[in-house]
Amino acid sequence: MLMKLKNMVFQVDQKFGKIDVLINNAGISSEVYFLDATEEMFDQMTAIDWKGVYFCSQFVAKKMIEHQTKGVIVNLASNQVDGCWPRATIYAPTKAAVAKFTKNAAMELIPYNIRMVAIAPGYTDVGWQKRAILGLKRLKITHAPFCNNEGNCSRCALSYIR
């Protein structure tokens, strides 16, 4: 896995001459109860959601330093950093690791004029069965005051009614 990441960073650097921005958005989730989780599930999710973010950030930061690029690295964490949901005992800790790593690494990158930030988006409807897992009967979309959209809206918060 690390060689693939290193290769990818090398190829992008070669093609464009430098890297200004990295957005670490790769991630997987396997909703599984704690007592049913396997080592394979744990290893796969932590490799992609946590290890991948760590080393991709490192490889890109080294290229930014090499080229003296004032860049930014954006890591996607999750609202599960602070919230709790069932069947997220692997996913949520990987995203908490991303959030904490980002704060620590950001301090180390200050002397190089590289910013590292994390964002923790809320629930995104990607077709998972969250309603069934949480025992929710219906879904209500709460539109932001600036929103004029009707129906499903990716910019506004979802709220659940039991």
C-alpha atoms as a PDB file:
ATOM      1  CA  MET A   1       0.000   0.000   0.000  1.00  0.00           C
ATOM      2  CA  LEU A   2       2.708   2.501   0.937  1.00  0.00           C
ATOM      3  CA  MET A   3       4.602   1.970  -2.297  1.00  0.00           C
ATOM      4  CA  LYS A   4       1.402   2.708  -4.264  1.00  0.00           C
ATOM      5  CA  LEU A   5       0.887   5.939  -2.318  1.00  0.00           C
ATOM      6  CA  LYS A   6       4.514   6.963  -2.739  1.00  0.00           C
ATOM      7  CA  ASN A   7       4.315   6.192  -6.466  1.00  0.00           C
ATOM      8  CA  MET A   8       1.127   8.231  -6.829  1.00  0.00           C
ATOM      9  CA  VAL A   9       2.688  11.249  -5.114  1.00  0.00           C
ATOM     10  CA  PHE A  10       5.826  10.916  -7.244  1.00  0.00           C
ATOM     11  CA  GLN A  11       3.799  10.757 -10.476  1.00  0.00           C
ATOM     12  CA  VAL A  12       1.668  13.791  -9.585  1.00  0.00           C
ATOM     13  CA  ASP A  13       4.782  15.736  -8.619  1.00  0.00           C
ATOM     14  CA  GLN A  14       6.506  14.793 -11.873  1.00  0.00           C
ATOM     15  CA  LYS A  15       3.506  15.678 -14.020  1.00  0.00           C
ATOM     16  CA  PHE A  16       2.672  19.039 -12.416  1.00  0.00           C
ATOM     17  CA  GLY A  17       6.065  20.087 -11.036  1.00  0.00           C
ATOM     18  CA  LYS A  18       4.752  20.514  -7.488  1.00  0.00           C
ATOM     19  CA  ILE A  19       1.805  19.739  -5.253  1.00  0.00           C
ATOM     20  CA  ASP A  20      -0.086  22.679  -3.735  1.00  0.00           C
ATOM     21  CA  VAL A  21      -3.033  20.900  -2.137  1.00  0.00           C
ATOM     22  CA  LEU A  22      -3.782  17.425  -0.840  1.00  0.00           C
ATOM     23  CA  ILE A  23      -7.289  16.403   0.116  1.00  0.00           C
ATOM     24  CA  ASN A  24      -7.299  13.094   1.972  1.00  0.00           C
ATOM     25  CA  ASN A  25     -10.829  11.931   1.284  1.00  0.00           C
ATOM     26  CA  ALA A  26     -10.329   8.184   0.881  1.00  0.00           C
ATOM     27  CA  GLY A  27     -12.186   6.110   3.398  1.00  0.00           C
ATOM     28  CA  ILE A  28     -14.246   3.021   3.888  1.00  0.00           C
ATOM     29  CA  SER A  29     -16.686   1.946   6.532  1.00  0.00           C
ATOM     30  CA  SER A  30     -18.005  -1.410   7.509  1.00  0.00           C
ATOM     31  CA  GLU A  31     -20.878  -1.139   9.902  1.00  0.00           C
ATOM     32  CA  VAL A  32     -20.354  -4.084  12.178  1.00  0.00           C
ATOM     33  CA  TYR A  33     -21.145  -4.747  15.805  1.00  0.00           C
ATOM     34  CA  PHE A  34     -18.119  -4.707  18.112  1.00  0.00           C
ATOM     35  CA  LEU A  35     -18.592  -8.376  19.023  1.00  0.00           C
ATOM     36  CA  ASP A  36     -18.759  -9.391  15.354  1.00  0.00           C
ATOM     37  CA  ALA A  37     -15.738  -7.433  14.078  1.00  0.00           C
ATOM     38  CA  THR A  38     -12.853  -9.432  12.636  1.00  0.00           C
ATOM     39  CA  GLU A  39      -9.155  -8.691  12.446  1.00  0.00           C
ATOM     40  CA  GLU A  40      -9.462  -8.471   8.651  1.00  0.00           C
ATOM     41  CA  MET A  41     -12.170  -5.780   8.924  1.00  0.00           C
ATOM     42  CA  PHE A  42     -10.086  -3.881  11.470  1.00  0.00           C
ATOM     43  CA  ASP A  43      -6.893  -4.051   9.420  1.00  0.00           C
ATOM     44  CA  GLN A  44      -8.561  -3.019   6.163  1.00  0.00           C
ATOM     45  CA  MET A  45     -10.400  -0.046   7.621  1.00  0.00           C
ATOM     46  CA  THR A  46      -7.468   1.258   9.651  1.00  0.00           C
ATOM     47  CA  ALA A  47      -5.131   0.826   6.665  1.00  0.00           C
ATOM     48  CA  ILE A  48      -7.293   2.991   4.405  1.00  0.00           C
ATOM     49  CA  ASP A  49      -8.935   5.437   6.818  1.00  0.00           C
ATOM     50  CA  TRP A  50      -5.949   6.085   9.080  1.00  0.00           C
ATOM     51  CA  LYS A  51      -2.662   4.715   7.753  1.00  0.00           C
ATOM     52  CA  GLY A  52      -3.365   5.985   4.236  1.00  0.00           C
ATOM     53  CA  VAL A  53      -4.076   9.512   5.486  1.00  0.00           C
ATOM     54  CA  TYR A  54      -0.943   9.521   7.639  1.00  0.00           C
ATOM     55  CA  PHE A  55       1.499   8.413   4.983  1.00  0.00           C
ATOM     56  CA  CYS A  56      -0.087  10.233   2.041  1.00  0.00           C
ATOM     57  CA  SER A  57       0.162  13.405   4.118  1.00  0.00           C
ATOM     58  CA  GLN A  58       3.789  12.637   4.926  1.00  0.00           C
ATOM     59  CA  PHE A  59       4.777  11.935   1.321  1.00  0.00           C
ATOM     60  CA  VAL A  60       3.048  15.085   0.040  1.00  0.00           C
ATOM     61  CA  ALA A  61       4.454  17.255   2.854  1.00  0.00           C
ATOM     62  CA  LYS A  62       7.968  16.094   1.947  1.00  0.00           C
ATOM     63  CA  LYS A  63       7.371  17.109  -1.676  1.00  0.00           C
ATOM     64  CA  MET A  64       5.984  20.480  -0.572  1.00  0.00           C
ATOM     65  CA  ILE A  65       9.097  21.041   1.555  1.00  0.00           C
ATOM     66  CA  GLU A  66      11.370  19.936  -1.300  1.00  0.00           C
ATOM     67  CA  HIS A  67       9.774  22.517  -3.621  1.00  0.00           C
ATOM     68  CA  GLN A  68       9.312  25.132  -0.860  1.00  0.00           C
ATOM     69  CA  THR A  69       5.592  25.123  -1.622  1.00  0.00           C
ATOM     70  CA  LYS A  70       3.257  26.968   0.737  1.00  0.00           C
ATOM     71  CA  GLY A  71       0.614  24.283   0.561  1.00  0.00           C
ATOM     72  CA  VAL A  72      -2.327  22.917   2.446  1.00  0.00           C
ATOM     73  CA  ILE A  73      -3.282  19.388   3.432  1.00  0.00           C
ATOM     74  CA  VAL A  74      -6.948  18.775   4.180  1.00  0.00           C
ATOM     75  CA  ASN A  75      -7.853  15.581   6.030  1.00  0.00           C
ATOM     76  CA  LEU A  76     -11.421  14.364   6.255  1.00  0.00           C
ATOM     77  CA  ALA A  77     -12.367  13.158   9.686  1.00  0.00           C
ATOM     78  CA  SER A  78     -16.024  12.593  10.632  1.00  0.00           C
ATOM     79  CA  ASN A  79     -18.700  13.816  12.969  1.00  0.00           C
ATOM     80  CA  GLN A  80     -18.154  10.436  14.623  1.00  0.00           C
ATOM     81  CA  VAL A  81     -15.067  11.934  16.272  1.00  0.00           C
ATOM     82  CA  ASP A  82     -17.383  13.427  18.891  1.00  0.00           C
ATOM     83  CA  GLY A  83     -20.613  11.488  18.374  1.00  0.00           C
ATOM     84  CA  CYS A  84     -21.464   7.878  19.077  1.00  0.00           C
ATOM     85  CA  TRP A  85     -23.302   5.444  16.849  1.00  0.00           C
ATOM     86  CA  PRO A  86     -23.703   1.699  17.084  1.00  0.00           C
ATOM     87  CA  ARG A  87     -21.643  -0.476  14.760  1.00  0.00           C
ATOM     88  CA  ALA A  88     -18.871   2.125  14.408  1.00  0.00           C
ATOM     89  CA  THR A  89     -16.231   0.777  16.797  1.00  0.00           C
ATOM     90  CA  ILE A  90     -13.635   0.569  14.037  1.00  0.00           C
ATOM     91  CA  TYR A  91     -14.613   3.481  11.792  1.00  0.00           C
ATOM     92  CA  ALA A  92     -15.075   6.150  14.489  1.00  0.00           C
ATOM     93  CA  PRO A  93     -11.669   5.591  16.159  1.00  0.00           C
ATOM     94  CA  THR A  94      -9.893   5.808  12.788  1.00  0.00           C
ATOM     95  CA  LYS A  95     -11.497   9.187  12.175  1.00  0.00           C
ATOM     96  CA  ALA A  96     -10.607  10.320  15.708  1.00  0.00           C
ATOM     97  CA  ALA A  97      -7.015   9.348  14.944  1.00  0.00           C
ATOM     98  CA  VAL A  98      -7.127  11.458  11.777  1.00  0.00           C
ATOM     99  CA  ALA A  99      -8.392  14.474  13.734  1.00  0.00           C
ATOM    100  CA  LYS A 100      -5.736  14.183  16.457  1.00  0.00           C
ATOM    101  CA  PHE A 101      -2.935  13.443  13.976  1.00  0.00           C
ATOM    102  CA  THR A 102      -3.889  16.538  11.992  1.00  0.00           C
ATOM    103  CA  LYS A 103      -3.529  18.805  15.022  1.00  0.00           C
ATOM    104  CA  ASN A 104      -0.135  17.378  15.945  1.00  0.00           C
ATOM    105  CA  ALA A 105       1.302  17.274  12.414  1.00  0.00           C
ATOM    106  CA  ALA A 106       0.016  20.802  11.700  1.00  0.00           C
ATOM    107  CA  MET A 107       2.282  22.143  14.444  1.00  0.00           C
ATOM    108  CA  GLU A 108       5.300  20.389  12.931  1.00  0.00           C
ATOM    109  CA  LEU A 109       4.576  21.791   9.461  1.00  0.00           C
ATOM    110  CA  ILE A 110       4.298  25.458  10.530  1.00  0.00           C
ATOM    111  CA  PRO A 111       7.998  26.209   9.905  1.00  0.00           C
ATOM    112  CA  TYR A 112       7.559  25.063   6.292  1.00  0.00           C
ATOM    113  CA  ASN A 113       4.500  27.262   5.632  1.00  0.00           C
ATOM    114  CA  ILE A 114       2.335  24.180   5.133  1.00  0.00           C
ATOM    115  CA  ARG A 115      -1.111  24.231   6.687  1.00  0.00           C
ATOM    116  CA  MET A 116      -2.812  21.008   7.699  1.00  0.00           C
ATOM    117  CA  VAL A 117      -6.476  21.065   8.660  1.00  0.00           C
ATOM    118  CA  ALA A 118      -9.186  18.519   9.310  1.00  0.00           C
ATOM    119  CA  ILE A 119     -12.862  18.817   8.564  1.00  0.00           C
ATOM    120  CA  ALA A 120     -15.477  16.589  10.117  1.00  0.00           C
ATOM    121  CA  PRO A 121     -18.545  16.461   7.889  1.00  0.00           C
ATOM    122  CA  GLY A 122     -21.833  15.230   9.215  1.00  0.00           C
ATOM    123  CA  TYR A 123     -23.872  12.327   7.937  1.00  0.00           C
ATOM    124  CA  THR A 124     -23.805  11.965   4.170  1.00  0.00           C
ATOM    125  CA  ASP A 125     -26.465   9.811   2.568  1.00  0.00           C
ATOM    126  CA  VAL A 126     -24.460   7.274   0.593  1.00  0.00           C
ATOM    127  CA  GLY A 127     -27.130   4.615   0.615  1.00  0.00           C
ATOM    128  CA  TRP A 128     -26.263   2.975   3.933  1.00  0.00           C
ATOM    129  CA  GLN A 129     -29.080   1.788   6.075  1.00  0.00           C
ATOM    130  CA  LYS A 130     -28.582   4.233   8.979  1.00  0.00           C
ATOM    131  CA  ARG A 131     -32.303   4.562   9.563  1.00  0.00           C
ATOM    132  CA  ALA A 132     -32.721   0.840  10.122  1.00  0.00           C
ATOM    133  CA  ILE A 133     -29.632   0.614  12.339  1.00  0.00           C
ATOM    134  CA  LEU A 134     -30.789   3.422  14.595  1.00  0.00           C
ATOM    135  CA  GLY A 135     -34.428   2.307  14.619  1.00  0.00           C
ATOM    136  CA  LEU A 136     -35.654   5.466  12.912  1.00  0.00           C
ATOM    137  CA  LYS A 137     -39.024   5.574  11.238  1.00  0.00           C
ATOM    138  CA  ARG A 138     -38.689   8.538   8.941  1.00  0.00           C
ATOM    139  CA  LEU A 139     -36.171  11.046   7.767  1.00  0.00           C
ATOM    140  CA  LYS A 140     -36.657  14.800   7.852  1.00  0.00           C
ATOM    141  CA  ILE A 141     -34.378  17.239   6.070  1.00  0.00           C
ATOM    142  CA  THR A 142     -33.748  20.467   7.923  1.00  0.00           C
ATOM    143  CA  HIS A 143     -32.861  23.100   5.366  1.00  0.00           C
ATOM    144  CA  ALA A 144     -30.461  25.888   6.245  1.00  0.00           C
ATOM    145  CA  PRO A 145     -31.913  29.431   6.161  1.00  0.00           C
ATOM    146  CA  PHE A 146     -30.081  30.243   2.902  1.00  0.00           C
ATOM    147  CA  CYS A 147     -31.304  27.112   1.123  1.00  0.00           C
ATOM    148  CA  ASN A 148     -34.104  27.218  -1.439  1.00  0.00           C
ATOM    149  CA  ASN A 149     -33.875  23.542  -2.417  1.00  0.00           C
ATOM    150  CA  GLU A 150     -36.755  21.150  -2.062  1.00  0.00           C
ATOM    151  CA  GLY A 151     -36.427  17.439  -1.338  1.00  0.00           C
ATOM    152  CA  ASN A 152     -32.988  15.930  -0.816  1.00  0.00           C
ATOM    153  CA  CYS A 153     -30.330  18.513  -0.197  1.00  0.00           C
ATOM    154  CA  SER A 154     -26.672  17.628   0.234  1.00  0.00           C
ATOM    155  CA  ARG A 155     -25.915  21.031   1.777  1.00  0.00           C
ATOM    156  CA  CYS A 156     -28.327  20.817   4.684  1.00  0.00           C
ATOM    157  CA  ALA A 157     -28.521  18.808   7.851  1.00  0.00           C
ATOM    158  CA  LEU A 158     -30.492  15.628   8.216  1.00  0.00           C
ATOM    159  CA  SER A 159     -32.520  15.099  11.341  1.00  0.00           C
ATOM    160  CA  TYR A 160     -34.138  11.889  12.440  1.00  0.00           C
ATOM    161  CA  ILE A 161     -37.425  11.240  14.153  1.00  0.00           C
ATOM    162  CA  ARG A 162     -37.869   8.095  16.231  1.00  0.00           C
END
